[in-house]
Every structure is written in structure tokens, then in C-alpha cells.
Amino acid sequence: MPLEAGLLEILACPACHSPLREEADELICTGATECGLVYPVRDGIPVLLVDEARRPS
């Protein structure tokens, strides 16, 4: 289930504060730095905890 456009506009990566983009059931950091963390979306709720994020494969 896609997130509302307004919500996605205000969300940012908690690690580096870069914008996020939605892909499948995940939010991906779009920062130019080496961050690139991938955050899960569970039951339509973004889990923006660095401890729950994974590095891209």
C-alpha cells in the first residue's frame, strides 16, 4: 500500500536527514552520502528506526 504523497514529502532519513523514496514495502534513503539505509514499511506504517534499517544489497 503506497504512502500518502504528503507524508512522504515530510519524512526524512533519521540517520542523515536526506529525503526518502518509496519502493515496494520499503523507504530508501536518497542521500548523496554513503548512508543509503533502507527502512521497512509494516502494515502501511514506516518504521524509521536506524536499528530496524538495513544496508542496501
N, C-alpha and C. Protein backbone atom coordinates (compact mmCIF):
# COMPACT_ATOMS: atom_id res chain seq x y z
N MET A 1 0.84 -1.17 0.00
CA MET A 1 0.00 0.00 0.00
C MET A 1 0.89 1.24 0.00
N PRO A 2 0.76 2.09 -1.00
CA PRO A 2 1.61 3.29 -1.07
C PRO A 2 1.27 4.29 0.04
N LEU A 3 2.30 5.00 0.47
CA LEU A 3 2.11 6.05 1.47
C LEU A 3 1.49 7.27 0.81
N GLU A 4 0.82 8.07 1.61
CA GLU A 4 0.26 9.32 1.09
C GLU A 4 1.40 10.23 0.64
N ALA A 5 1.19 10.93 -0.46
CA ALA A 5 2.23 11.81 -1.02
C ALA A 5 2.66 12.87 -0.02
N GLY A 6 1.72 13.43 0.72
CA GLY A 6 2.05 14.46 1.70
C GLY A 6 2.94 13.93 2.81
N LEU A 7 2.71 12.69 3.22
CA LEU A 7 3.52 12.08 4.27
C LEU A 7 4.94 11.83 3.77
N LEU A 8 5.06 11.31 2.58
CA LEU A 8 6.38 11.02 2.02
C LEU A 8 7.20 12.30 1.84
N GLU A 9 6.56 13.41 1.58
CA GLU A 9 7.27 14.69 1.41
C GLU A 9 7.91 15.18 2.70
N ILE A 10 7.32 14.86 3.85
CA ILE A 10 7.86 15.37 5.11
C ILE A 10 8.78 14.39 5.83
N LEU A 11 8.79 13.13 5.39
CA LEU A 11 9.67 12.14 6.02
C LEU A 11 11.11 12.33 5.56
N ALA A 12 12.03 12.04 6.46
CA ALA A 12 13.46 12.12 6.13
C ALA A 12 14.18 10.98 6.84
N CYS A 13 15.33 10.62 6.32
CA CYS A 13 16.16 9.59 6.92
C CYS A 13 16.60 10.06 8.31
N PRO A 14 16.34 9.27 9.35
CA PRO A 14 16.75 9.69 10.69
C PRO A 14 18.27 9.70 10.88
N ALA A 15 19.00 9.00 10.05
CA ALA A 15 20.45 8.94 10.18
C ALA A 15 21.15 10.15 9.56
N CYS A 16 20.70 10.57 8.35
CA CYS A 16 21.40 11.66 7.65
C CYS A 16 20.48 12.80 7.22
N HIS A 17 19.19 12.67 7.48
CA HIS A 17 18.18 13.71 7.20
C HIS A 17 17.94 13.95 5.71
N SER A 18 18.29 13.00 4.87
CA SER A 18 18.02 13.11 3.43
C SER A 18 16.60 12.65 3.12
N PRO A 19 16.06 13.05 1.97
CA PRO A 19 14.73 12.59 1.57
C PRO A 19 14.70 11.07 1.38
N LEU A 20 13.49 10.52 1.46
CA LEU A 20 13.29 9.09 1.26
C LEU A 20 12.43 8.88 0.02
N ARG A 21 12.65 7.75 -0.64
CA ARG A 21 11.77 7.37 -1.75
C ARG A 21 11.17 6.01 -1.42
N GLU A 22 9.96 5.81 -1.90
CA GLU A 22 9.24 4.57 -1.61
C GLU A 22 9.46 3.57 -2.73
N GLU A 23 9.73 2.35 -2.34
CA GLU A 23 9.91 1.27 -3.31
C GLU A 23 9.41 -0.01 -2.65
N ALA A 24 8.36 -0.60 -3.22
CA ALA A 24 7.72 -1.79 -2.64
C ALA A 24 7.29 -1.48 -1.21
N ASP A 25 7.69 -2.27 -0.25
CA ASP A 25 7.33 -2.06 1.16
C ASP A 25 8.51 -1.51 1.93
N GLU A 26 9.26 -0.59 1.31
CA GLU A 26 10.44 -0.02 1.96
C GLU A 26 10.57 1.46 1.60
N LEU A 27 11.27 2.18 2.46
CA LEU A 27 11.66 3.56 2.18
C LEU A 27 13.17 3.58 2.09
N ILE A 28 13.69 4.16 1.02
CA ILE A 28 15.12 4.14 0.75
C ILE A 28 15.67 5.55 0.84
N CYS A 29 16.75 5.70 1.59
CA CYS A 29 17.42 6.99 1.73
C CYS A 29 18.02 7.38 0.38
N THR A 30 17.80 8.62 -0.02
CA THR A 30 18.31 9.10 -1.31
C THR A 30 19.50 10.03 -1.15
N GLY A 31 20.07 10.05 0.03
CA GLY A 31 21.18 10.97 0.32
C GLY A 31 22.39 10.72 -0.55
N ALA A 32 23.10 11.78 -0.83
CA ALA A 32 24.32 11.70 -1.63
C ALA A 32 25.48 11.12 -0.82
N THR A 33 25.29 11.05 0.50
CA THR A 33 26.34 10.48 1.35
C THR A 33 26.31 8.95 1.23
N GLU A 34 27.09 8.30 2.01
CA GLU A 34 27.17 6.85 1.97
C GLU A 34 26.08 6.18 2.80
N CYS A 35 25.10 6.92 3.29
CA CYS A 35 24.06 6.37 4.15
C CYS A 35 23.30 5.25 3.43
N GLY A 36 22.36 5.59 2.57
CA GLY A 36 21.63 4.61 1.77
C GLY A 36 20.84 3.58 2.54
N LEU A 37 20.48 3.86 3.79
CA LEU A 37 19.74 2.88 4.58
C LEU A 37 18.36 2.63 3.99
N VAL A 38 17.85 1.42 4.23
CA VAL A 38 16.54 1.02 3.74
C VAL A 38 15.67 0.71 4.96
N TYR A 39 14.54 1.42 5.07
CA TYR A 39 13.65 1.29 6.22
C TYR A 39 12.40 0.52 5.81
N PRO A 40 11.95 -0.41 6.65
CA PRO A 40 10.75 -1.18 6.31
C PRO A 40 9.48 -0.36 6.51
N VAL A 41 8.44 -0.74 5.77
CA VAL A 41 7.09 -0.22 5.98
C VAL A 41 6.25 -1.43 6.34
N ARG A 42 5.73 -1.44 7.57
CA ARG A 42 4.95 -2.58 8.06
C ARG A 42 3.51 -2.16 8.27
N ASP A 43 2.60 -2.86 7.61
CA ASP A 43 1.16 -2.55 7.70
C ASP A 43 0.88 -1.09 7.39
N GLY A 44 1.61 -0.53 6.42
CA GLY A 44 1.41 0.84 6.00
C GLY A 44 2.05 1.88 6.89
N ILE A 45 2.83 1.43 7.89
CA ILE A 45 3.47 2.35 8.83
C ILE A 45 4.98 2.31 8.65
N PRO A 46 5.61 3.44 8.30
CA PRO A 46 7.07 3.47 8.16
C PRO A 46 7.75 3.26 9.52
N VAL A 47 8.72 2.37 9.53
CA VAL A 47 9.50 2.11 10.75
C VAL A 47 10.85 2.82 10.57
N LEU A 48 10.92 4.05 11.03
CA LEU A 48 12.11 4.88 10.82
C LEU A 48 13.04 4.81 12.01
N LEU A 49 13.46 3.61 12.33
CA LEU A 49 14.42 3.37 13.39
C LEU A 49 15.71 2.86 12.76
N VAL A 50 16.81 3.50 13.07
CA VAL A 50 18.08 3.11 12.47
C VAL A 50 18.40 1.65 12.80
N ASP A 51 18.03 1.20 14.00
CA ASP A 51 18.27 -0.20 14.39
C ASP A 51 17.46 -1.19 13.57
N GLU A 52 16.35 -0.76 12.98
CA GLU A 52 15.50 -1.63 12.16
C GLU A 52 15.87 -1.55 10.68
N ALA A 53 16.68 -0.58 10.30
CA ALA A 53 17.06 -0.38 8.89
C ALA A 53 18.10 -1.40 8.48
N ARG A 54 18.22 -1.56 7.17
CA ARG A 54 19.26 -2.44 6.63
C ARG A 54 20.05 -1.69 5.57
N ARG A 55 21.23 -2.16 5.32
CA ARG A 55 22.05 -1.60 4.23
C ARG A 55 21.56 -2.18 2.92
N PRO A 56 21.58 -1.41 1.84
CA PRO A 56 21.13 -1.95 0.55
C PRO A 56 22.03 -3.09 0.10
N SER A 57 21.42 -4.03 -0.59
CA SER A 57 22.20 -5.20 -1.06
C SER A 57 22.78 -4.98 -2.43
